[in-house]
Amino acid sequence: MTLLYLGIAIWILVHLFKRIAPEARAAMGRAMGQGPAKGVIAVLLVISIVLMVIGYRAAPYDPVYAPLAGMGHLNNLLMLVAVMLLGAGSSKGKMRSWFRHPMLLGVIVWSFAHLLVNGDFASVVLFGSMALWAVAEILLINRAEPTWARPEPGPIKGDIRLLVIALVLYAIIAGIHVALGHNPFLGTYA
């Protein structure tokens, strides 16, 4: 579980760096240049994801609670919603004007969906910490920037495009889960 904890810690610290130490983040950009500084941040985030995946897969199964029967369907629906939210901020449709923090809301929905079907300690640690991080980010951003310039809603075809892209990404994510031995279409369905 050490790698899981380390990956989560790196993810959270790197993301919160700009919020809790804006002067240090700005100094890093000035010293290295914005491109290289963003590159360092990106590499650290990739490392954190790799550590989380390896740590999660290596963690022992220690049950905390038993997921309710039938939650697999809700999980899969929520995962599609989460993927759509992750892309909503970059979309050109109406949906982009609905939420101030669509990506962070997507992380919260992703976390909740996974906690519906995974009741082991490693899942609670991983998905619970990601949800708490996303909530903290939202609160920090809203405190630092209390006003939000709501983007103009675009045409409905932008939302249709987002749905198509989300369905393709959903299929890819499901395929990766199957390849890793965790079929999201089996399990808590009855």
N, C-alpha and C. Protein backbone atom coordinates (compact mmCIF):
# COMPACT_ATOMS: atom_id res chain seq x y z
N MET A 1 0.82 -1.20 0.00
CA MET A 1 0.00 0.00 0.00
C MET A 1 0.87 1.26 0.00
N THR A 2 2.15 1.09 0.26
CA THR A 2 3.04 2.26 0.30
C THR A 2 3.03 3.00 -1.03
N LEU A 3 3.09 2.26 -2.14
CA LEU A 3 3.09 2.91 -3.45
C LEU A 3 1.77 3.64 -3.70
N LEU A 4 0.67 3.05 -3.25
CA LEU A 4 -0.63 3.71 -3.39
C LEU A 4 -0.64 5.02 -2.62
N TYR A 5 -0.21 4.98 -1.37
CA TYR A 5 -0.16 6.20 -0.55
C TYR A 5 0.75 7.25 -1.19
N LEU A 6 1.90 6.81 -1.67
CA LEU A 6 2.85 7.74 -2.29
C LEU A 6 2.26 8.37 -3.54
N GLY A 7 1.63 7.56 -4.38
CA GLY A 7 1.00 8.08 -5.59
C GLY A 7 -0.09 9.10 -5.28
N ILE A 8 -0.92 8.80 -4.29
CA ILE A 8 -1.98 9.73 -3.90
C ILE A 8 -1.38 11.01 -3.36
N ALA A 9 -0.36 10.89 -2.53
CA ALA A 9 0.29 12.08 -1.95
C ALA A 9 0.88 12.97 -3.04
N ILE A 10 1.58 12.37 -4.00
CA ILE A 10 2.17 13.16 -5.09
C ILE A 10 1.07 13.84 -5.89
N TRP A 11 0.01 13.10 -6.23
CA TRP A 11 -1.11 13.67 -7.00
C TRP A 11 -1.68 14.90 -6.29
N ILE A 12 -1.98 14.74 -5.01
CA ILE A 12 -2.61 15.83 -4.27
C ILE A 12 -1.67 17.00 -4.11
N LEU A 13 -0.43 16.75 -3.72
CA LEU A 13 0.52 17.84 -3.51
C LEU A 13 0.81 18.60 -4.80
N VAL A 14 0.99 17.89 -5.89
CA VAL A 14 1.27 18.55 -7.17
C VAL A 14 0.08 19.42 -7.59
N HIS A 15 -1.13 18.89 -7.44
CA HIS A 15 -2.31 19.67 -7.82
C HIS A 15 -2.54 20.86 -6.89
N LEU A 16 -2.27 20.68 -5.61
CA LEU A 16 -2.51 21.78 -4.66
C LEU A 16 -1.37 22.79 -4.64
N PHE A 17 -0.24 22.46 -5.24
CA PHE A 17 0.94 23.33 -5.25
C PHE A 17 0.58 24.74 -5.71
N LYS A 18 -0.14 24.84 -6.81
CA LYS A 18 -0.51 26.15 -7.36
C LYS A 18 -1.45 26.90 -6.42
N ARG A 19 -2.29 26.18 -5.69
CA ARG A 19 -3.29 26.80 -4.81
C ARG A 19 -2.71 27.21 -3.46
N ILE A 20 -1.85 26.35 -2.89
CA ILE A 20 -1.36 26.64 -1.54
C ILE A 20 -0.01 27.37 -1.54
N ALA A 21 0.69 27.33 -2.67
CA ALA A 21 1.98 28.04 -2.77
C ALA A 21 2.08 28.72 -4.13
N PRO A 22 1.18 29.68 -4.41
CA PRO A 22 1.20 30.30 -5.74
C PRO A 22 2.50 31.03 -6.07
N GLU A 23 3.14 31.62 -5.04
CA GLU A 23 4.39 32.32 -5.29
C GLU A 23 5.49 31.35 -5.71
N ALA A 24 5.55 30.22 -5.03
CA ALA A 24 6.56 29.20 -5.37
C ALA A 24 6.31 28.64 -6.76
N ARG A 25 5.04 28.41 -7.10
CA ARG A 25 4.71 27.90 -8.45
C ARG A 25 5.08 28.92 -9.52
N ALA A 26 4.79 30.20 -9.25
CA ALA A 26 5.14 31.26 -10.20
C ALA A 26 6.66 31.37 -10.33
N ALA A 27 7.38 31.26 -9.22
CA ALA A 27 8.85 31.31 -9.25
C ALA A 27 9.41 30.15 -10.05
N MET A 28 8.81 28.98 -9.92
CA MET A 28 9.24 27.82 -10.70
C MET A 28 9.08 28.10 -12.19
N GLY A 29 7.96 28.70 -12.56
CA GLY A 29 7.72 29.05 -13.96
C GLY A 29 8.70 30.08 -14.48
N ARG A 30 9.02 31.05 -13.65
CA ARG A 30 9.99 32.07 -14.06
C ARG A 30 11.39 31.49 -14.20
N ALA A 31 11.77 30.63 -13.26
CA ALA A 31 13.12 30.06 -13.27
C ALA A 31 13.33 29.08 -14.41
N MET A 32 12.34 28.25 -14.68
CA MET A 32 12.49 27.20 -15.70
C MET A 32 11.88 27.58 -17.04
N GLY A 33 10.97 28.54 -17.02
CA GLY A 33 10.14 28.80 -18.18
C GLY A 33 8.83 28.05 -17.98
N GLN A 34 7.72 28.61 -18.47
CA GLN A 34 6.41 28.01 -18.22
C GLN A 34 6.29 26.61 -18.85
N GLY A 35 6.82 26.43 -20.05
CA GLY A 35 6.74 25.13 -20.71
C GLY A 35 7.44 24.02 -19.93
N PRO A 36 8.72 24.22 -19.60
CA PRO A 36 9.41 23.19 -18.82
C PRO A 36 8.79 22.97 -17.43
N ALA A 37 8.32 24.04 -16.79
CA ALA A 37 7.69 23.90 -15.48
C ALA A 37 6.43 23.04 -15.59
N LYS A 38 5.63 23.29 -16.62
CA LYS A 38 4.43 22.47 -16.83
C LYS A 38 4.83 21.03 -17.16
N GLY A 39 5.95 20.86 -17.85
CA GLY A 39 6.44 19.52 -18.16
C GLY A 39 6.81 18.75 -16.89
N VAL A 40 7.48 19.41 -15.96
CA VAL A 40 7.84 18.78 -14.68
C VAL A 40 6.57 18.37 -13.94
N ILE A 41 5.59 19.26 -13.91
CA ILE A 41 4.32 18.97 -13.24
C ILE A 41 3.66 17.75 -13.91
N ALA A 42 3.64 17.74 -15.24
CA ALA A 42 3.01 16.63 -15.97
C ALA A 42 3.72 15.30 -15.67
N VAL A 43 5.05 15.32 -15.65
CA VAL A 43 5.80 14.09 -15.36
C VAL A 43 5.49 13.60 -13.94
N LEU A 44 5.43 14.52 -12.98
CA LEU A 44 5.09 14.13 -11.61
C LEU A 44 3.69 13.53 -11.53
N LEU A 45 2.76 14.08 -12.29
CA LEU A 45 1.40 13.54 -12.29
C LEU A 45 1.34 12.16 -12.92
N VAL A 46 2.09 11.95 -13.99
CA VAL A 46 2.14 10.62 -14.61
C VAL A 46 2.75 9.62 -13.63
N ILE A 47 3.81 10.03 -12.95
CA ILE A 47 4.43 9.16 -11.94
C ILE A 47 3.42 8.82 -10.86
N SER A 48 2.65 9.82 -10.42
CA SER A 48 1.67 9.56 -9.36
C SER A 48 0.61 8.57 -9.82
N ILE A 49 0.16 8.67 -11.06
CA ILE A 49 -0.84 7.73 -11.58
C ILE A 49 -0.26 6.32 -11.65
N VAL A 50 0.97 6.21 -12.14
CA VAL A 50 1.61 4.89 -12.23
C VAL A 50 1.73 4.28 -10.83
N LEU A 51 2.16 5.08 -9.87
CA LEU A 51 2.29 4.58 -8.49
C LEU A 51 0.94 4.17 -7.92
N MET A 52 -0.11 4.96 -8.20
CA MET A 52 -1.44 4.60 -7.71
C MET A 52 -1.92 3.29 -8.32
N VAL A 53 -1.73 3.12 -9.63
CA VAL A 53 -2.18 1.90 -10.29
C VAL A 53 -1.42 0.70 -9.75
N ILE A 54 -0.10 0.79 -9.69
CA ILE A 54 0.70 -0.33 -9.18
C ILE A 54 0.35 -0.62 -7.72
N GLY A 55 0.26 0.43 -6.91
CA GLY A 55 -0.05 0.25 -5.50
C GLY A 55 -1.44 -0.32 -5.28
N TYR A 56 -2.40 0.12 -6.06
CA TYR A 56 -3.78 -0.38 -5.93
C TYR A 56 -3.86 -1.85 -6.32
N ARG A 57 -3.22 -2.18 -7.44
CA ARG A 57 -3.26 -3.57 -7.93
C ARG A 57 -2.53 -4.52 -6.97
N ALA A 58 -1.51 -4.01 -6.28
CA ALA A 58 -0.73 -4.86 -5.38
C ALA A 58 -1.33 -4.93 -3.97
N ALA A 59 -2.30 -4.09 -3.68
CA ALA A 59 -2.86 -4.03 -2.33
C ALA A 59 -3.66 -5.29 -2.02
N PRO A 60 -3.58 -5.75 -0.80
CA PRO A 60 -4.38 -6.92 -0.42
C PRO A 60 -5.86 -6.54 -0.37
N TYR A 61 -6.71 -7.53 -0.55
CA TYR A 61 -8.14 -7.29 -0.47
C TYR A 61 -8.57 -7.39 0.99
N ASP A 62 -8.78 -6.25 1.60
CA ASP A 62 -9.26 -6.17 2.98
C ASP A 62 -10.63 -5.53 2.95
N PRO A 63 -11.70 -6.34 3.11
CA PRO A 63 -13.04 -5.78 2.98
C PRO A 63 -13.37 -4.79 4.11
N VAL A 64 -14.03 -3.70 3.72
CA VAL A 64 -14.51 -2.69 4.66
C VAL A 64 -16.03 -2.75 4.72
N TYR A 65 -16.66 -2.90 3.57
CA TYR A 65 -18.11 -3.03 3.47
C TYR A 65 -18.44 -3.86 2.24
N ALA A 66 -19.64 -4.39 2.21
CA ALA A 66 -20.09 -5.19 1.07
C ALA A 66 -20.92 -4.31 0.16
N PRO A 67 -20.49 -4.13 -1.10
CA PRO A 67 -21.30 -3.34 -2.03
C PRO A 67 -22.69 -3.95 -2.20
N LEU A 68 -23.67 -3.10 -2.37
CA LEU A 68 -25.04 -3.56 -2.56
C LEU A 68 -25.20 -4.24 -3.91
N ALA A 69 -26.06 -5.23 -3.95
CA ALA A 69 -26.35 -5.91 -5.21
C ALA A 69 -27.00 -4.92 -6.18
N GLY A 70 -26.70 -5.07 -7.45
CA GLY A 70 -27.30 -4.23 -8.48
C GLY A 70 -26.59 -2.91 -8.72
N MET A 71 -25.52 -2.62 -7.99
CA MET A 71 -24.82 -1.34 -8.14
C MET A 71 -23.96 -1.27 -9.39
N GLY A 72 -23.73 -2.41 -10.04
CA GLY A 72 -22.92 -2.39 -11.26
C GLY A 72 -23.55 -1.54 -12.34
N HIS A 73 -24.87 -1.61 -12.47
CA HIS A 73 -25.56 -0.80 -13.48
C HIS A 73 -25.40 0.68 -13.19
N LEU A 74 -25.61 1.06 -11.93
CA LEU A 74 -25.47 2.46 -11.55
C LEU A 74 -24.02 2.93 -11.73
N ASN A 75 -23.07 2.07 -11.36
CA ASN A 75 -21.66 2.40 -11.56
C ASN A 75 -21.38 2.72 -13.02
N ASN A 76 -21.84 1.86 -13.92
CA ASN A 76 -21.56 2.07 -15.34
C ASN A 76 -22.20 3.34 -15.87
N LEU A 77 -23.42 3.63 -15.44
CA LEU A 77 -24.07 4.87 -15.85
C LEU A 77 -23.31 6.09 -15.32
N LEU A 78 -22.94 6.02 -14.04
CA LEU A 78 -22.20 7.14 -13.45
C LEU A 78 -20.84 7.33 -14.10
N MET A 79 -20.22 6.24 -14.54
CA MET A 79 -18.93 6.36 -15.22
C MET A 79 -19.08 7.10 -16.54
N LEU A 80 -20.16 6.86 -17.26
CA LEU A 80 -20.40 7.61 -18.49
C LEU A 80 -20.59 9.08 -18.17
N VAL A 81 -21.34 9.38 -17.11
CA VAL A 81 -21.53 10.77 -16.68
C VAL A 81 -20.18 11.38 -16.31
N ALA A 82 -19.36 10.64 -15.58
CA ALA A 82 -18.04 11.14 -15.17
C ALA A 82 -17.17 11.47 -16.38
N VAL A 83 -17.16 10.60 -17.38
CA VAL A 83 -16.36 10.84 -18.58
C VAL A 83 -16.89 12.08 -19.32
N MET A 84 -18.20 12.23 -19.37
CA MET A 84 -18.77 13.42 -20.02
C MET A 84 -18.38 14.69 -19.25
N LEU A 85 -18.44 14.63 -17.93
CA LEU A 85 -18.05 15.80 -17.13
C LEU A 85 -16.58 16.15 -17.33
N LEU A 86 -15.74 15.14 -17.43
CA LEU A 86 -14.31 15.40 -17.64
C LEU A 86 -14.07 16.17 -18.94
N GLY A 87 -14.92 15.95 -19.94
CA GLY A 87 -14.75 16.66 -21.20
C GLY A 87 -15.62 17.89 -21.36
N ALA A 88 -16.56 18.10 -20.45
CA ALA A 88 -17.53 19.18 -20.61
C ALA A 88 -16.89 20.57 -20.65
N GLY A 89 -15.84 20.77 -19.87
CA GLY A 89 -15.20 22.08 -19.84
C GLY A 89 -14.56 22.46 -21.16
N SER A 90 -14.19 21.48 -21.95
CA SER A 90 -13.56 21.74 -23.25
C SER A 90 -14.54 21.64 -24.40
N SER A 91 -15.78 21.29 -24.09
CA SER A 91 -16.75 21.12 -25.17
C SER A 91 -17.24 22.47 -25.67
N LYS A 92 -17.92 22.44 -26.78
CA LYS A 92 -18.45 23.67 -27.37
C LYS A 92 -19.98 23.70 -27.30
N GLY A 93 -20.56 22.85 -26.47
CA GLY A 93 -22.02 22.76 -26.39
C GLY A 93 -22.60 23.54 -25.24
N LYS A 94 -23.85 23.24 -24.94
CA LYS A 94 -24.57 23.90 -23.86
C LYS A 94 -24.05 23.48 -22.50
N MET A 95 -23.60 22.22 -22.39
CA MET A 95 -23.21 21.67 -21.11
C MET A 95 -22.05 22.42 -20.46
N ARG A 96 -21.19 23.01 -21.25
CA ARG A 96 -20.02 23.68 -20.68
C ARG A 96 -20.41 24.86 -19.80
N SER A 97 -21.63 25.39 -19.97
CA SER A 97 -22.06 26.52 -19.16
C SER A 97 -22.82 26.09 -17.91
N TRP A 98 -23.02 24.80 -17.73
CA TRP A 98 -23.80 24.31 -16.59
C TRP A 98 -22.99 24.22 -15.30
N PHE A 99 -21.71 23.92 -15.42
CA PHE A 99 -20.90 23.63 -14.24
C PHE A 99 -19.64 24.48 -14.23
N ARG A 100 -19.28 24.96 -13.04
CA ARG A 100 -18.05 25.74 -12.91
C ARG A 100 -16.83 24.83 -12.93
N HIS A 101 -16.94 23.68 -12.34
CA HIS A 101 -15.80 22.77 -12.21
C HIS A 101 -16.14 21.39 -12.76
N PRO A 102 -16.40 21.27 -14.06
CA PRO A 102 -16.84 19.97 -14.58
C PRO A 102 -15.84 18.84 -14.40
N MET A 103 -14.54 19.12 -14.55
CA MET A 103 -13.56 18.04 -14.40
C MET A 103 -13.51 17.54 -12.96
N LEU A 104 -13.52 18.46 -12.02
CA LEU A 104 -13.49 18.05 -10.61
C LEU A 104 -14.77 17.34 -10.22
N LEU A 105 -15.90 17.79 -10.74
CA LEU A 105 -17.15 17.06 -10.51
C LEU A 105 -17.08 15.67 -11.12
N GLY A 106 -16.44 15.57 -12.28
CA GLY A 106 -16.24 14.26 -12.90
C GLY A 106 -15.42 13.33 -12.02
N VAL A 107 -14.41 13.85 -11.36
CA VAL A 107 -13.60 13.05 -10.44
C VAL A 107 -14.45 12.59 -9.26
N ILE A 108 -15.30 13.47 -8.75
CA ILE A 108 -16.17 13.10 -7.62
C ILE A 108 -17.14 12.00 -8.05
N VAL A 109 -17.76 12.15 -9.22
CA VAL A 109 -18.69 11.13 -9.71
C VAL A 109 -17.94 9.82 -9.95
N TRP A 110 -16.75 9.88 -10.56
CA TRP A 110 -15.91 8.70 -10.78
C TRP A 110 -15.62 7.99 -9.46
N SER A 111 -15.24 8.76 -8.46
CA SER A 111 -14.92 8.18 -7.15
C SER A 111 -16.14 7.52 -6.53
N PHE A 112 -17.26 8.22 -6.53
CA PHE A 112 -18.49 7.68 -5.95
C PHE A 112 -18.91 6.40 -6.67
N ALA A 113 -18.83 6.41 -8.00
CA ALA A 113 -19.21 5.23 -8.79
C ALA A 113 -18.36 4.03 -8.40
N HIS A 114 -17.07 4.24 -8.23
CA HIS A 114 -16.19 3.14 -7.87
C HIS A 114 -16.41 2.66 -6.43
N LEU A 115 -16.77 3.58 -5.54
CA LEU A 115 -17.05 3.17 -4.16
C LEU A 115 -18.36 2.40 -4.05
N LEU A 116 -19.24 2.55 -5.03
CA LEU A 116 -20.49 1.77 -5.04
C LEU A 116 -20.23 0.29 -5.26
N VAL A 117 -19.17 -0.03 -5.99
CA VAL A 117 -18.92 -1.43 -6.36
C VAL A 117 -17.64 -2.02 -5.78
N ASN A 118 -16.88 -1.23 -5.06
CA ASN A 118 -15.63 -1.71 -4.45
C ASN A 118 -15.64 -1.37 -2.97
N GLY A 119 -15.69 -2.37 -2.13
CA GLY A 119 -15.76 -2.12 -0.70
C GLY A 119 -14.50 -2.47 0.07
N ASP A 120 -13.40 -2.60 -0.61
CA ASP A 120 -12.15 -2.97 0.07
C ASP A 120 -11.40 -1.72 0.53
N PHE A 121 -10.45 -1.91 1.42
CA PHE A 121 -9.72 -0.81 2.03
C PHE A 121 -8.95 0.01 0.99
N ALA A 122 -8.27 -0.64 0.06
CA ALA A 122 -7.50 0.08 -0.95
C ALA A 122 -8.42 0.96 -1.80
N SER A 123 -9.62 0.47 -2.11
CA SER A 123 -10.57 1.27 -2.89
C SER A 123 -11.05 2.47 -2.10
N VAL A 124 -11.33 2.26 -0.82
CA VAL A 124 -11.76 3.38 0.02
C VAL A 124 -10.67 4.43 0.09
N VAL A 125 -9.43 3.99 0.23
CA VAL A 125 -8.31 4.93 0.29
C VAL A 125 -8.16 5.67 -1.04
N LEU A 126 -8.11 4.94 -2.14
CA LEU A 126 -7.89 5.57 -3.44
C LEU A 126 -9.05 6.47 -3.85
N PHE A 127 -10.24 5.89 -3.96
CA PHE A 127 -11.37 6.66 -4.47
C PHE A 127 -11.87 7.69 -3.47
N GLY A 128 -11.78 7.37 -2.20
CA GLY A 128 -12.16 8.35 -1.18
C GLY A 128 -11.23 9.55 -1.17
N SER A 129 -9.93 9.30 -1.28
CA SER A 129 -8.98 10.41 -1.27
C SER A 129 -9.10 11.27 -2.52
N MET A 130 -9.39 10.64 -3.66
CA MET A 130 -9.57 11.43 -4.89
C MET A 130 -10.83 12.32 -4.79
N ALA A 131 -11.88 11.79 -4.20
CA ALA A 131 -13.10 12.60 -4.01
C ALA A 131 -12.82 13.75 -3.06
N LEU A 132 -12.14 13.48 -1.96
CA LEU A 132 -11.83 14.54 -1.01
C LEU A 132 -10.91 15.59 -1.62
N TRP A 133 -9.95 15.15 -2.42
CA TRP A 133 -9.07 16.10 -3.10
C TRP A 133 -9.87 17.00 -4.03
N ALA A 134 -10.79 16.42 -4.81
CA ALA A 134 -11.58 17.21 -5.76
C ALA A 134 -12.45 18.23 -5.02
N VAL A 135 -13.05 17.82 -3.91
CA VAL A 135 -13.85 18.76 -3.11
C VAL A 135 -12.96 19.89 -2.58
N ALA A 136 -11.78 19.54 -2.08
CA ALA A 136 -10.85 20.57 -1.57
C ALA A 136 -10.44 21.53 -2.68
N GLU A 137 -10.15 21.01 -3.88
CA GLU A 137 -9.80 21.87 -5.01
C GLU A 137 -10.92 22.85 -5.33
N ILE A 138 -12.16 22.34 -5.37
CA ILE A 138 -13.30 23.21 -5.66
C ILE A 138 -13.40 24.32 -4.62
N LEU A 139 -13.27 23.97 -3.36
CA LEU A 139 -13.36 24.97 -2.30
C LEU A 139 -12.23 25.99 -2.40
N LEU A 140 -11.01 25.52 -2.66
CA LEU A 140 -9.87 26.44 -2.78
C LEU A 140 -10.02 27.37 -3.98
N ILE A 141 -10.45 26.82 -5.10
CA ILE A 141 -10.64 27.66 -6.30
C ILE A 141 -11.73 28.69 -6.06
N ASN A 142 -12.85 28.25 -5.48
CA ASN A 142 -13.95 29.18 -5.23
C ASN A 142 -13.56 30.27 -4.24
N ARG A 143 -12.72 29.92 -3.27
CA ARG A 143 -12.26 30.94 -2.32
C ARG A 143 -11.31 31.94 -2.99
N ALA A 144 -10.43 31.44 -3.84
CA ALA A 144 -9.46 32.32 -4.51
C ALA A 144 -10.12 33.14 -5.62
N GLU A 145 -11.12 32.56 -6.27
CA GLU A 145 -11.80 33.23 -7.38
C GLU A 145 -13.30 33.13 -7.15
N PRO A 146 -13.85 34.03 -6.27
CA PRO A 146 -15.25 33.89 -5.89
C PRO A 146 -16.26 34.11 -7.03
N THR A 147 -15.88 34.86 -8.03
CA THR A 147 -16.81 35.07 -9.14
C THR A 147 -16.42 34.18 -10.31
N TRP A 148 -17.43 33.76 -11.04
CA TRP A 148 -17.23 32.88 -12.18
C TRP A 148 -17.91 33.49 -13.39
N ALA A 149 -17.15 33.66 -14.44
CA ALA A 149 -17.72 34.14 -15.70
C ALA A 149 -18.24 32.93 -16.45
N ARG A 150 -19.54 32.70 -16.31
CA ARG A 150 -20.16 31.54 -16.94
C ARG A 150 -19.99 31.64 -18.45
N PRO A 151 -19.42 30.60 -19.09
CA PRO A 151 -19.26 30.65 -20.55
C PRO A 151 -20.61 30.63 -21.26
N GLU A 152 -20.65 31.24 -22.40
CA GLU A 152 -21.86 31.22 -23.21
C GLU A 152 -22.13 29.79 -23.67
N PRO A 153 -23.37 29.34 -23.56
CA PRO A 153 -23.66 27.99 -24.05
C PRO A 153 -23.56 27.93 -25.56
N GLY A 154 -23.04 26.84 -26.04
CA GLY A 154 -22.90 26.63 -27.48
C GLY A 154 -24.08 25.87 -28.03
N PRO A 155 -23.99 25.46 -29.26
CA PRO A 155 -25.10 24.72 -29.88
C PRO A 155 -25.16 23.28 -29.36
N ILE A 156 -26.31 22.67 -29.49
CA ILE A 156 -26.54 21.30 -29.02
C ILE A 156 -25.62 20.30 -29.72
N LYS A 157 -25.17 20.63 -30.94
CA LYS A 157 -24.28 19.69 -31.64
C LYS A 157 -22.97 19.51 -30.88
N GLY A 158 -22.57 20.51 -30.10
CA GLY A 158 -21.38 20.35 -29.27
C GLY A 158 -21.58 19.31 -28.19
N ASP A 159 -22.79 19.26 -27.63
CA ASP A 159 -23.10 18.25 -26.62
C ASP A 159 -23.21 16.86 -27.23
N ILE A 160 -23.73 16.79 -28.44
CA ILE A 160 -23.82 15.50 -29.14
C ILE A 160 -22.41 14.99 -29.43
N ARG A 161 -21.53 15.88 -29.87
CA ARG A 161 -20.13 15.50 -30.11
C ARG A 161 -19.48 15.03 -28.81
N LEU A 162 -19.75 15.74 -27.71
CA LEU A 162 -19.21 15.34 -26.41
C LEU A 162 -19.71 13.95 -26.03
N LEU A 163 -20.98 13.66 -26.25
CA LEU A 163 -21.53 12.34 -25.93
C LEU A 163 -20.86 11.25 -26.75
N VAL A 164 -20.65 11.50 -28.05
CA VAL A 164 -20.00 10.50 -28.90
C VAL A 164 -18.56 10.25 -28.43
N ILE A 165 -17.84 11.32 -28.15
CA ILE A 165 -16.46 11.18 -27.67
C ILE A 165 -16.45 10.45 -26.33
N ALA A 166 -17.39 10.80 -25.44
CA ALA A 166 -17.47 10.14 -24.13
C ALA A 166 -17.76 8.66 -24.28
N LEU A 167 -18.63 8.29 -25.22
CA LEU A 167 -18.92 6.87 -25.43
C LEU A 167 -17.70 6.11 -25.93
N VAL A 168 -16.93 6.74 -26.82
CA VAL A 168 -15.70 6.10 -27.32
C VAL A 168 -14.69 5.95 -26.19
N LEU A 169 -14.49 7.01 -25.41
CA LEU A 169 -13.56 6.93 -24.28
C LEU A 169 -14.03 5.92 -23.24
N TYR A 170 -15.33 5.88 -23.01
CA TYR A 170 -15.91 4.92 -22.08
C TYR A 170 -15.58 3.49 -22.53
N ALA A 171 -15.73 3.23 -23.83
CA ALA A 171 -15.41 1.90 -24.36
C ALA A 171 -13.92 1.59 -24.19
N ILE A 172 -13.07 2.58 -24.41
CA ILE A 172 -11.63 2.38 -24.24
C ILE A 172 -11.30 2.09 -22.77
N ILE A 173 -11.90 2.87 -21.87
CA ILE A 173 -11.66 2.67 -20.44
C ILE A 173 -12.15 1.29 -20.01
N ALA A 174 -13.33 0.90 -20.49
CA ALA A 174 -13.85 -0.43 -20.18
C ALA A 174 -12.91 -1.51 -20.71
N GLY A 175 -12.39 -1.33 -21.93
CA GLY A 175 -11.45 -2.28 -22.51
C GLY A 175 -10.18 -2.40 -21.69
N ILE A 176 -9.69 -1.28 -21.18
CA ILE A 176 -8.49 -1.31 -20.33
C ILE A 176 -8.79 -2.07 -19.05
N HIS A 177 -9.97 -1.82 -18.46
CA HIS A 177 -10.34 -2.55 -17.25
C HIS A 177 -10.41 -4.06 -17.52
N VAL A 178 -11.00 -4.44 -18.64
CA VAL A 178 -11.09 -5.87 -18.99
C VAL A 178 -9.69 -6.45 -19.17
N ALA A 179 -8.81 -5.70 -19.86
CA ALA A 179 -7.44 -6.17 -20.08
C ALA A 179 -6.68 -6.35 -18.77
N LEU A 180 -7.02 -5.52 -17.78
CA LEU A 180 -6.36 -5.61 -16.48
C LEU A 180 -7.02 -6.65 -15.57
N GLY A 181 -8.08 -7.30 -16.08
CA GLY A 181 -8.73 -8.35 -15.31
C GLY A 181 -9.88 -7.89 -14.44
N HIS A 182 -10.39 -6.69 -14.69
CA HIS A 182 -11.51 -6.15 -13.91
C HIS A 182 -12.63 -5.76 -14.86
N ASN A 183 -13.42 -6.73 -15.28
CA ASN A 183 -14.50 -6.46 -16.21
C ASN A 183 -15.59 -5.64 -15.53
N PRO A 184 -15.83 -4.39 -15.98
CA PRO A 184 -16.84 -3.56 -15.33
C PRO A 184 -18.28 -4.01 -15.62
N PHE A 185 -18.45 -5.00 -16.49
CA PHE A 185 -19.79 -5.46 -16.84
C PHE A 185 -20.12 -6.79 -16.16
N LEU A 186 -19.28 -7.18 -15.22
CA LEU A 186 -19.53 -8.36 -14.39
C LEU A 186 -19.51 -7.91 -12.94
N GLY A 187 -20.12 -8.65 -12.09
CA GLY A 187 -20.00 -8.30 -10.67
C GLY A 187 -21.35 -8.00 -10.05
N THR A 188 -21.46 -6.85 -9.41
CA THR A 188 -22.63 -6.53 -8.59
C THR A 188 -23.83 -6.10 -9.45
N TYR A 189 -24.41 -7.05 -10.17
CA TYR A 189 -25.55 -6.74 -11.04
C TYR A 189 -26.83 -7.40 -10.59
N ALA A 190 -26.76 -8.42 -9.79
CA ALA A 190 -27.97 -9.15 -9.37
C ALA A 190 -28.40 -8.71 -7.98
